[in-house]
C-alpha atoms as a PDB file:
ATOM      1  CA  MET A   1     -24.339  24.610  18.426  1.00  0.00           C
ATOM      2  CA  ARG A   2     -25.060  25.001  15.215  1.00  0.00           C
ATOM      3  CA  GLY A   3     -23.062  26.070  12.280  1.00  0.00           C
ATOM      4  CA  ALA A   4     -23.704  28.400   9.457  1.00  0.00           C
ATOM      5  CA  LEU A   5     -23.719  28.430   5.518  1.00  0.00           C
ATOM      6  CA  MET A   6     -21.587  31.308   4.603  1.00  0.00           C
ATOM      7  CA  THR A   7     -23.025  33.268   1.923  1.00  0.00           C
ATOM      8  CA  GLY A   8     -21.080  36.311  -0.389  1.00  0.00           C
ATOM      9  CA  ASP A   9     -17.124  37.164  -0.236  1.00  0.00           C
ATOM     10  CA  VAL A  10     -15.497  33.505   1.365  1.00  0.00           C
ATOM     11  CA  THR A  11     -12.254  35.000   3.272  1.00  0.00           C
ATOM     12  CA  PRO A  12      -9.112  33.078   2.571  1.00  0.00           C
ATOM     13  CA  HIS A  13      -8.178  30.462   4.673  1.00  0.00           C
ATOM     14  CA  ALA A  14      -5.199  28.469   5.762  1.00  0.00           C
ATOM     15  CA  VAL A  15      -5.036  26.501   2.255  1.00  0.00           C
ATOM     16  CA  SER A  16      -6.107  29.125   0.282  1.00  0.00           C
ATOM     17  CA  ARG A  17      -3.484  31.060   1.727  1.00  0.00           C
ATOM     18  CA  LEU A  18      -0.658  28.472   0.564  1.00  0.00           C
ATOM     19  CA  ARG A  19      -2.035  28.385  -2.468  1.00  0.00           C
ATOM     20  CA  SER A  20      -1.218  31.866  -2.873  1.00  0.00           C
ATOM     21  CA  ALA A  21       2.071  31.583  -1.942  1.00  0.00           C
ATOM     22  CA  ARG A  22       2.741  28.673  -3.788  1.00  0.00           C
ATOM     23  CA  LEU A  23       1.361  30.365  -6.928  1.00  0.00           C
ATOM     24  CA  ALA A  24       4.103  33.037  -6.202  1.00  0.00           C
ATOM     25  CA  ARG A  25       6.721  31.120  -6.196  1.00  0.00           C
ATOM     26  CA  SER A  26       5.502  29.016  -9.857  1.00  0.00           C
ATOM     27  CA  VAL A  27       8.231  29.317 -12.267  1.00  0.00           C
ATOM     28  CA  LYS A  28       5.302  28.236 -15.242  1.00  0.00           C
ATOM     29  CA  PRO A  29       1.593  28.659 -13.831  1.00  0.00           C
ATOM     30  CA  PHE A  30      -0.023  25.342 -13.061  1.00  0.00           C
ATOM     31  CA  MET A  31      -2.362  24.011 -15.436  1.00  0.00           C
ATOM     32  CA  ALA A  32      -5.234  22.192 -13.594  1.00  0.00           C
ATOM     33  CA  ARG A  33      -7.098  19.466 -15.883  1.00  0.00           C
ATOM     34  CA  GLY A  34      -9.325  21.505 -18.643  1.00  0.00           C
ATOM     35  CA  GLY A  35      -6.666  23.422 -20.259  1.00  0.00           C
ATOM     36  CA  PRO A  36      -6.270  26.794 -20.602  1.00  0.00           C
ATOM     37  CA  ARG A  37      -9.370  27.955 -20.479  1.00  0.00           C
ATOM     38  CA  GLY A  38     -10.488  26.414 -17.380  1.00  0.00           C
ATOM     39  CA  GLU A  39     -11.836  29.530 -15.648  1.00  0.00           C
ATOM     40  CA  ARG A  40     -12.604  27.808 -11.847  1.00  0.00           C
ATOM     41  CA  CYS A  41     -13.517  29.847  -8.906  1.00  0.00           C
ATOM     42  CA  ALA A  42     -11.156  30.782  -6.019  1.00  0.00           C
ATOM     43  CA  GLY A  43     -13.072  30.352  -3.676  1.00  0.00           C
ATOM     44  CA  CYS A  44     -13.679  26.517  -3.985  1.00  0.00           C
ATOM     45  CA  ARG A  45     -12.078  25.985  -7.135  1.00  0.00           C
ATOM     46  CA  LEU A  46     -14.837  24.843  -8.989  1.00  0.00           C
ATOM     47  CA  ARG A  47     -16.174  25.893 -12.138  1.00  0.00           C
ATOM     48  CA  PRO A  48     -18.030  29.190 -11.928  1.00  0.00           C
ATOM     49  CA  SER A  49     -21.208  27.072 -12.851  1.00  0.00           C
ATOM     50  CA  HIS A  50     -20.738  24.890 -10.329  1.00  0.00           C
ATOM     51  CA  CYS A  51     -19.365  27.324  -7.601  1.00  0.00           C
ATOM     52  CA  LEU A  52     -19.883  25.843  -3.549  1.00  0.00           C
ATOM     53  CA  CYS A  53     -18.723  28.999  -2.162  1.00  0.00           C
ATOM     54  CA  GLY A  54     -21.966  29.878  -1.271  1.00  0.00           C
ATOM     55  CA  LEU A  55     -22.508  26.395   0.515  1.00  0.00           C
ATOM     56  CA  ARG A  56     -19.404  26.604   2.665  1.00  0.00           C
ATOM     57  CA  PRO A  57     -20.633  25.479   6.098  1.00  0.00           C
ATOM     58  CA  MET A  58     -18.674  26.824   9.462  1.00  0.00           C
ATOM     59  CA  GLN A  59     -18.268  24.276  12.971  1.00  0.00           C
ATOM     60  CA  PRO A  60     -16.746  25.053  16.045  1.00  0.00           C
ATOM     61  CA  THR A  61     -14.706  22.346  17.072  1.00  0.00           C
ATOM     62  CA  ARG A  62     -13.016  21.369  19.785  1.00  0.00           C
ATOM     63  CA  ALA A  63     -10.490  19.695  17.782  1.00  0.00           C
ATOM     64  CA  GLY A  64      -7.374  21.729  15.287  1.00  0.00           C
ATOM     65  CA  VAL A  65      -6.420  20.005  12.499  1.00  0.00           C
ATOM     66  CA  CYS A  66      -2.674  20.584  10.509  1.00  0.00           C
ATOM     67  CA  LEU A  67      -2.410  20.275   7.322  1.00  0.00           C
ATOM     68  CA  LEU A  68       1.330  19.182   6.244  1.00  0.00           C
ATOM     69  CA  MET A  69       0.904  19.756   2.538  1.00  0.00           C
ATOM     70  CA  ALA A  70       2.813  17.828  -0.008  1.00  0.00           C
ATOM     71  CA  ASP A  71       4.178  20.727  -3.104  1.00  0.00           C
ATOM     72  CA  VAL A  72       1.448  20.596  -5.756  1.00  0.00           C
ATOM     73  CA  GLU A  73      -1.296  19.482  -3.552  1.00  0.00           C
ATOM     74  CA  PRO A  74      -2.290  23.399  -2.639  1.00  0.00           C
ATOM     75  CA  LEU A  75      -2.750  23.601  -6.360  1.00  0.00           C
ATOM     76  CA  LYS A  76      -5.020  20.474  -7.275  1.00  0.00           C
ATOM     77  CA  PRO A  77      -8.962  21.397  -7.511  1.00  0.00           C
ATOM     78  CA  SER A  78      -9.213  17.716  -6.186  1.00  0.00           C
ATOM     79  CA  ASN A  79      -7.220  18.796  -3.391  1.00  0.00           C
ATOM     80  CA  THR A  80      -9.965  17.685  -0.335  1.00  0.00           C
ATOM     81  CA  GLY A  81      -7.604  19.594   2.620  1.00  0.00           C
ATOM     82  CA  TRP A  82      -9.454  22.982   1.444  1.00  0.00           C
ATOM     83  CA  LEU A  83     -12.520  21.087   2.392  1.00  0.00           C
ATOM     84  CA  VAL A  84     -11.044  20.680   6.032  1.00  0.00           C
ATOM     85  CA  ALA A  85     -10.166  24.097   6.072  1.00  0.00           C
ATOM     86  CA  ASP A  86     -13.497  25.381   4.973  1.00  0.00           C
ATOM     87  CA  VAL A  87     -15.185  23.322   7.429  1.00  0.00           C
ATOM     88  CA  VAL A  88     -13.046  23.783  10.632  1.00  0.00           C
ATOM     89  CA  GLN A  89     -12.590  26.929  11.905  1.00  0.00           C
ATOM     90  CA  ASP A  90      -8.672  26.167  13.602  1.00  0.00           C
ATOM     91  CA  THR A  91      -7.272  24.675  10.468  1.00  0.00           C
ATOM     92  CA  PHE A  92      -3.288  25.297   9.777  1.00  0.00           C
ATOM     93  CA  ALA A  93      -1.798  24.440   6.579  1.00  0.00           C
ATOM     94  CA  PHE A  94       2.290  24.056   5.809  1.00  0.00           C
ATOM     95  CA  GLY A  95       3.852  23.206   2.423  1.00  0.00           C
ATOM     96  CA  TRP A  96       6.496  19.998   3.281  1.00  0.00           C
ATOM     97  CA  ALA A  97      10.091  19.902   2.568  1.00  0.00           C
ATOM     98  CA  ARG A  98      12.400  17.400   3.715  1.00  0.00           C
ATOM     99  CA  THR A  99      15.838  20.188   4.006  1.00  0.00           C
ATOM    100  CA  GLU A 100      13.446  22.836   5.748  1.00  0.00           C
ATOM    101  CA  VAL A 101      10.392  23.678   8.100  1.00  0.00           C
ATOM    102  CA  ASP A 102       8.367  26.268   8.425  1.00  0.00           C
ATOM    103  CA  PRO A 103       9.048  27.774  11.586  1.00  0.00           C
ATOM    104  CA  ALA A 104       5.464  28.722  12.523  1.00  0.00           C
ATOM    105  CA  LEU A 105       4.211  24.700  12.036  1.00  0.00           C
ATOM    106  CA  LEU A 106       7.216  24.538  15.089  1.00  0.00           C
ATOM    107  CA  ALA A 107       5.719  26.994  17.192  1.00  0.00           C
ATOM    108  CA  LEU A 108       2.347  25.403  16.470  1.00  0.00           C
ATOM    109  CA  LEU A 109       3.117  21.908  17.734  1.00  0.00           C
ATOM    110  CA  ALA A 110       4.638  23.639  20.537  1.00  0.00           C
ATOM    111  CA  ASP A 111       1.744  25.487  21.936  1.00  0.00           C
ATOM    112  CA  PRO A 112       0.815  24.261  24.899  1.00  0.00           C
ATOM    113  CA  GLN A 113      -3.219  24.652  23.954  1.00  0.00           C
ATOM    114  CA  TRP A 114      -2.687  21.955  21.834  1.00  0.00           C
ATOM    115  CA  GLN A 115      -2.122  18.071  22.365  1.00  0.00           C
ATOM    116  CA  PRO A 116      -1.011  16.740  18.660  1.00  0.00           C
ATOM    117  CA  TYR A 117      -1.617  13.523  17.060  1.00  0.00           C
ATOM    118  CA  VAL A 118       0.150  12.358  14.119  1.00  0.00           C
ATOM    119  CA  VAL A 119      -2.322  10.713  11.761  1.00  0.00           C
ATOM    120  CA  PHE A 120      -0.639   7.520  10.226  1.00  0.00           C
ATOM    121  CA  PRO A 121      -1.381   3.773   9.951  1.00  0.00           C
ATOM    122  CA  GLY A 122       0.474   2.463  13.118  1.00  0.00           C
ATOM    123  CA  GLU A 123       1.930  -0.407  11.159  1.00  0.00           C
ATOM    124  CA  TYR A 124       4.442   2.167  10.576  1.00  0.00           C
ATOM    125  CA  ALA A 125       5.236   3.503  13.673  1.00  0.00           C
ATOM    126  CA  ALA A 126       6.972   1.856  16.797  1.00  0.00           C
ATOM    127  CA  ALA A 127       4.745   0.527  18.881  1.00  0.00           C
ATOM    128  CA  GLU A 128       4.807   2.732  21.876  1.00  0.00           C
ATOM    129  CA  ARG A 129       4.053   5.937  19.777  1.00  0.00           C
ATOM    130  CA  VAL A 130       0.752   4.352  18.482  1.00  0.00           C
ATOM    131  CA  VAL A 131      -2.451   5.213  20.186  1.00  0.00           C
ATOM    132  CA  GLN A 132      -6.351   4.609  18.600  1.00  0.00           C
ATOM    133  CA  ALA A 133      -7.760   6.949  21.195  1.00  0.00           C
ATOM    134  CA  VAL A 134      -7.929  10.455  21.932  1.00  0.00           C
ATOM    135  CA  LEU A 135      -7.161  11.869  25.372  1.00  0.00           C
ATOM    136  CA  PRO A 136     -10.164  13.790  26.949  1.00  0.00           C
ATOM    137  CA  ALA A 137     -10.301  17.318  27.462  1.00  0.00           C
ATOM    138  CA  ALA A 138     -10.578  16.831  31.302  1.00  0.00           C
ATOM    139  CA  ASP A 139      -7.353  14.385  31.664  1.00  0.00           C
ATOM    140  CA  SER A 140      -4.809  16.204  29.222  1.00  0.00           C
ATOM    141  CA  GLY A 141      -6.047  20.165  29.822  1.00  0.00           C
ATOM    142  CA  ARG A 142      -5.508  20.044  25.674  1.00  0.00           C
ATOM    143  CA  ARG A 143      -7.497  20.457  22.715  1.00  0.00           C
ATOM    144  CA  PRO A 144      -6.757  18.092  20.362  1.00  0.00           C
ATOM    145  CA  LEU A 145      -4.382  18.861  17.034  1.00  0.00           C
ATOM    146  CA  PHE A 146      -4.551  16.336  14.136  1.00  0.00           C
ATOM    147  CA  VAL A 147      -1.857  16.549  12.434  1.00  0.00           C
ATOM    148  CA  LEU A 148      -2.717  14.793   8.727  1.00  0.00           C
ATOM    149  CA  LEU A 149      -0.270  14.593   5.940  1.00  0.00           C
ATOM    150  CA  ASP A 150      -1.999  15.715   2.362  1.00  0.00           C
ATOM    151  CA  ALA A 151      -0.238  13.772   0.243  1.00  0.00           C
ATOM    152  CA  THR A 152      -0.348  10.728  -1.740  1.00  0.00           C
ATOM    153  CA  TRP A 153       0.120   7.755  -0.539  1.00  0.00           C
ATOM    154  CA  PRO A 154       3.925   7.312  -1.584  1.00  0.00           C
ATOM    155  CA  GLU A 155       4.413  11.000  -0.755  1.00  0.00           C
ATOM    156  CA  ALA A 156       3.078  10.689   2.900  1.00  0.00           C
ATOM    157  CA  ARG A 157       4.795   7.407   3.762  1.00  0.00           C
ATOM    158  CA  LYS A 158       8.151   9.378   2.735  1.00  0.00           C
ATOM    159  CA  MET A 159       6.945  12.551   4.618  1.00  0.00           C
ATOM    160  CA  PHE A 160       5.953  10.488   7.514  1.00  0.00           C
ATOM    161  CA  ARG A 161       9.880   9.207   8.039  1.00  0.00           C
ATOM    162  CA  LYS A 162      11.128  12.437   7.048  1.00  0.00           C
ATOM    163  CA  SER A 163       9.771  14.744   9.585  1.00  0.00           C
ATOM    164  CA  PRO A 164      11.729  14.126  12.877  1.00  0.00           C
ATOM    165  CA  TYR A 165      10.241  16.870  14.256  1.00  0.00           C
ATOM    166  CA  LEU A 166       7.188  14.934  14.212  1.00  0.00           C
ATOM    167  CA  ASP A 167       8.865  12.226  16.188  1.00  0.00           C
ATOM    168  CA  ARG A 168       7.771  12.917  19.839  1.00  0.00           C
ATOM    169  CA  PHE A 169       3.831  12.736  19.303  1.00  0.00           C
ATOM    170  CA  PRO A 170       1.482   9.947  19.557  1.00  0.00           C
ATOM    171  CA  VAL A 171       0.534   8.579  16.197  1.00  0.00           C
ATOM    172  CA  LEU A 172      -3.540   8.452  15.749  1.00  0.00           C
ATOM    173  CA  SER A 173      -3.905   5.122  14.201  1.00  0.00           C
ATOM    174  CA  LEU A 174      -7.338   4.901  12.932  1.00  0.00           C
ATOM    175  CA  LEU A 175      -9.479   1.180  12.999  1.00  0.00           C
ATOM    176  CA  ALA A 176     -12.046   2.648  10.086  1.00  0.00           C
ATOM    177  CA  GLU A 177     -14.261   0.059   8.398  1.00  0.00           C
ATOM    178  CA  GLN A 178     -15.943   1.925   6.075  1.00  0.00           C
ATOM    179  CA  VAL A 179     -14.851   1.683   2.373  1.00  0.00           C
ATOM    180  CA  SER A 180     -13.293   5.149   0.829  1.00  0.00           C
ATOM    181  CA  ARG A 181     -15.930   7.300  -1.079  1.00  0.00           C
ATOM    182  CA  TYR A 182     -13.366   9.247  -2.717  1.00  0.00           C
ATOM    183  CA  ARG A 183     -13.829   9.131  -6.552  1.00  0.00           C
ATOM    184  CA  LEU A 184     -11.981  12.451  -7.735  1.00  0.00           C
ATOM    185  CA  ARG A 185      -8.602  10.439  -8.027  1.00  0.00           C
ATOM    186  CA  ARG A 186      -8.133   6.734  -8.230  1.00  0.00           C
ATOM    187  CA  SER A 187      -6.662   4.674  -5.831  1.00  0.00           C
ATOM    188  CA  THR A 188      -5.397   1.081  -5.462  1.00  0.00           C
ATOM    189  CA  ARG A 189      -7.065   0.611  -2.406  1.00  0.00           C
ATOM    190  CA  SER A 190     -10.330   0.995  -0.850  1.00  0.00           C
ATOM    191  CA  ASP A 191      -8.604   1.775   2.362  1.00  0.00           C
ATOM    192  CA  HIS A 192      -6.951   4.684   1.869  1.00  0.00           C
ATOM    193  CA  PHE A 193      -8.842   7.995   2.871  1.00  0.00           C
ATOM    194  CA  CYS A 194      -8.578  11.185   1.362  1.00  0.00           C
ATOM    195  CA  THR A 195      -7.405  13.893   3.536  1.00  0.00           C
ATOM    196  CA  ALA A 196     -11.194  15.106   4.097  1.00  0.00           C
ATOM    197  CA  GLU A 197     -12.230  11.719   5.210  1.00  0.00           C
ATOM    198  CA  VAL A 198      -9.537  10.878   7.683  1.00  0.00           C
ATOM    199  CA  ALA A 199     -10.486  14.943   9.376  1.00  0.00           C
ATOM    200  CA  ALA A 200     -13.899  13.459   9.748  1.00  0.00           C
ATOM    201  CA  LEU A 201     -12.931  10.274  11.304  1.00  0.00           C
ATOM    202  CA  CYS A 202     -10.552  12.219  13.415  1.00  0.00           C
ATOM    203  CA  LEU A 203     -13.113  14.953  14.470  1.00  0.00           C
ATOM    204  CA  ASP A 204     -15.951  12.147  15.567  1.00  0.00           C
ATOM    205  CA  LEU A 205     -13.118  10.626  17.525  1.00  0.00           C
ATOM    206  CA  GLY A 206     -12.449  13.741  19.212  1.00  0.00           C
ATOM    207  CA  GLY A 207     -15.852  14.724  20.053  1.00  0.00           C
ATOM    208  CA  ASP A 208     -16.804  17.195  17.038  1.00  0.00           C
ATOM    209  CA  THR A 209     -19.259  14.533  16.231  1.00  0.00           C
ATOM    210  CA  ARG A 210     -21.764  17.375  14.026  1.00  0.00           C
ATOM    211  CA  ALA A 211     -18.351  18.987  12.821  1.00  0.00           C
ATOM    212  CA  ALA A 212     -17.456  15.559  11.464  1.00  0.00           C
ATOM    213  CA  GLN A 213     -21.005  14.682   9.913  1.00  0.00           C
ATOM    214  CA  THR A 214     -20.963  18.430   8.223  1.00  0.00           C
ATOM    215  CA  LEU A 215     -17.294  17.434   6.921  1.00  0.00           C
ATOM    216  CA  GLU A 216     -18.582  14.171   5.518  1.00  0.00           C
ATOM    217  CA  ALA A 217     -21.960  16.280   3.871  1.00  0.00           C
ATOM    218  CA  TYR A 218     -20.189  18.747   2.605  1.00  0.00           C
ATOM    219  CA  PHE A 219     -17.384  16.129   0.501  1.00  0.00           C
ATOM    220  CA  ASP A 220     -20.154  14.584  -0.884  1.00  0.00           C
ATOM    221  CA  VAL A 221     -21.695  17.855  -1.962  1.00  0.00           C
ATOM    222  CA  PHE A 222     -18.115  18.744  -3.552  1.00  0.00           C
ATOM    223  CA  THR A 223     -17.564  15.627  -5.097  1.00  0.00           C
ATOM    224  CA  HIS A 224     -21.015  16.125  -7.368  1.00  0.00           C
ATOM    225  CA  HIS A 225     -20.537  19.221  -8.277  1.00  0.00           C
ATOM    226  CA  TYR A 226     -17.176  18.528  -9.228  1.00  0.00           C
ATOM    227  CA  LEU A 227     -17.522  14.862 -11.189  1.00  0.00           C
ATOM    228  CA  GLN A 228     -20.718  17.513 -12.424  1.00  0.00           C
ATOM    229  CA  ALA A 229     -18.545  19.870 -13.517  1.00  0.00           C
ATOM    230  CA  LYS A 230     -16.278  17.126 -15.541  1.00  0.00           C
ATOM    231  CA  HIS A 231     -19.018  15.795 -17.382  1.00  0.00           C
ATOM    232  CA  GLN A 232     -21.019  19.096 -18.209  1.00  0.00           C
ATOM    233  CA  LEU A 233     -24.010  18.193 -15.763  1.00  0.00           C
ATOM    234  CA  PRO A 234     -25.390  20.750 -13.985  1.00  0.00           C
ATOM    235  CA  PRO A 235     -25.481  20.350 -10.357  1.00  0.00           C
ATOM    236  CA  ASP A 236     -28.827  18.236  -8.239  1.00  0.00           C
ATOM    237  CA  LEU A 237     -29.163  21.034  -5.589  1.00  0.00           C
ATOM    238  CA  GLN A 238     -31.654  18.585  -4.262  1.00  0.00           C
ATOM    239  CA  ASN A 239     -29.920  15.481  -4.279  1.00  0.00           C
ATOM    240  CA  ALA A 240     -29.000  13.851  -1.101  1.00  0.00           C
ATOM    241  CA  ALA A 241     -26.025  15.311   0.137  1.00  0.00           C
ATOM    242  CA  HIS A 242     -27.363  18.729  -0.731  1.00  0.00           C
ATOM    243  CA  GLN A 243     -30.102  17.893   1.745  1.00  0.00           C
ATOM    244  CA  ALA A 244     -28.076  16.306   4.366  1.00  0.00           C
ATOM    245  CA  LEU A 245     -25.490  19.323   4.569  1.00  0.00           C
ATOM    246  CA  HIS A 246     -28.198  22.155   4.773  1.00  0.00           C
ATOM    247  CA  ALA A 247     -30.183  19.833   7.771  1.00  0.00           C
ATOM    248  CA  LEU A 248     -26.637  19.681   9.613  1.00  0.00           C
ATOM    249  CA  ASN A 249     -26.751  23.279   9.398  1.00  0.00           C
ATOM    250  CA  GLY A 250     -29.966  24.241  10.354  1.00  0.00           C
ATOM    251  CA  ALA A 251     -31.187  25.951   6.640  1.00  0.00           C
ATOM    252  CA  ALA A 252     -33.265  24.574   4.160  1.00  0.00           C
ATOM    253  CA  ALA A 253     -32.723  23.105   1.267  1.00  0.00           C
ATOM    254  CA  PRO A 254     -32.096  26.268  -2.112  1.00  0.00           C
ATOM    255  CA  PRO A 255     -35.065  25.692  -4.612  1.00  0.00           C
END
């Protein structure tokens, strides 16, 4: 089943709602790079001239994604967990805190329809917890739920260590050989993937191949729009990333 490209109004998804809740708690306004006059679209966080809302793809998936987000991640325009929520309908997002846990998160993890997998490098977990494959539906009877720690690498390691409610779940250790294409924030290691890249790898591993490919293409389109806006250049709506996204979603690229 192919997805569709959205047009018109975009319904707020889990990350958008978490962002609104986080802003409501802020003592002072969060100011993204670009200064106080940096107007951004509420639907995609880009400048209105580079808006992505009309390109947002929807894909049905067997898997779900649970984003545990460090405090300011929902506020960052460069955050790619937002892209995951754009593509994967069953995306859940929760703010992480060391001293308290959202009851809705615990309820989700306990829901019998889901088999949670904590996605993290296996070297940081006990060997008996580490897996490198997802159980087929016929064997588990449950849908995979990929739990992603959406944070900087130091923050993610802290979250992994200090979230005891995750200790009973298998740790899915990805063996990706590709080099990260993430160019929006600098990383000292090329094998550190951004959240959208990790989610795409998980979806592919879980059998949601078209959704994985769509997320990869959408990530490339987002990166292009973001960087073009940063350099005050118009987006190229006919480039390879746009063509790939439209081909996956059964639509022609815009003129």
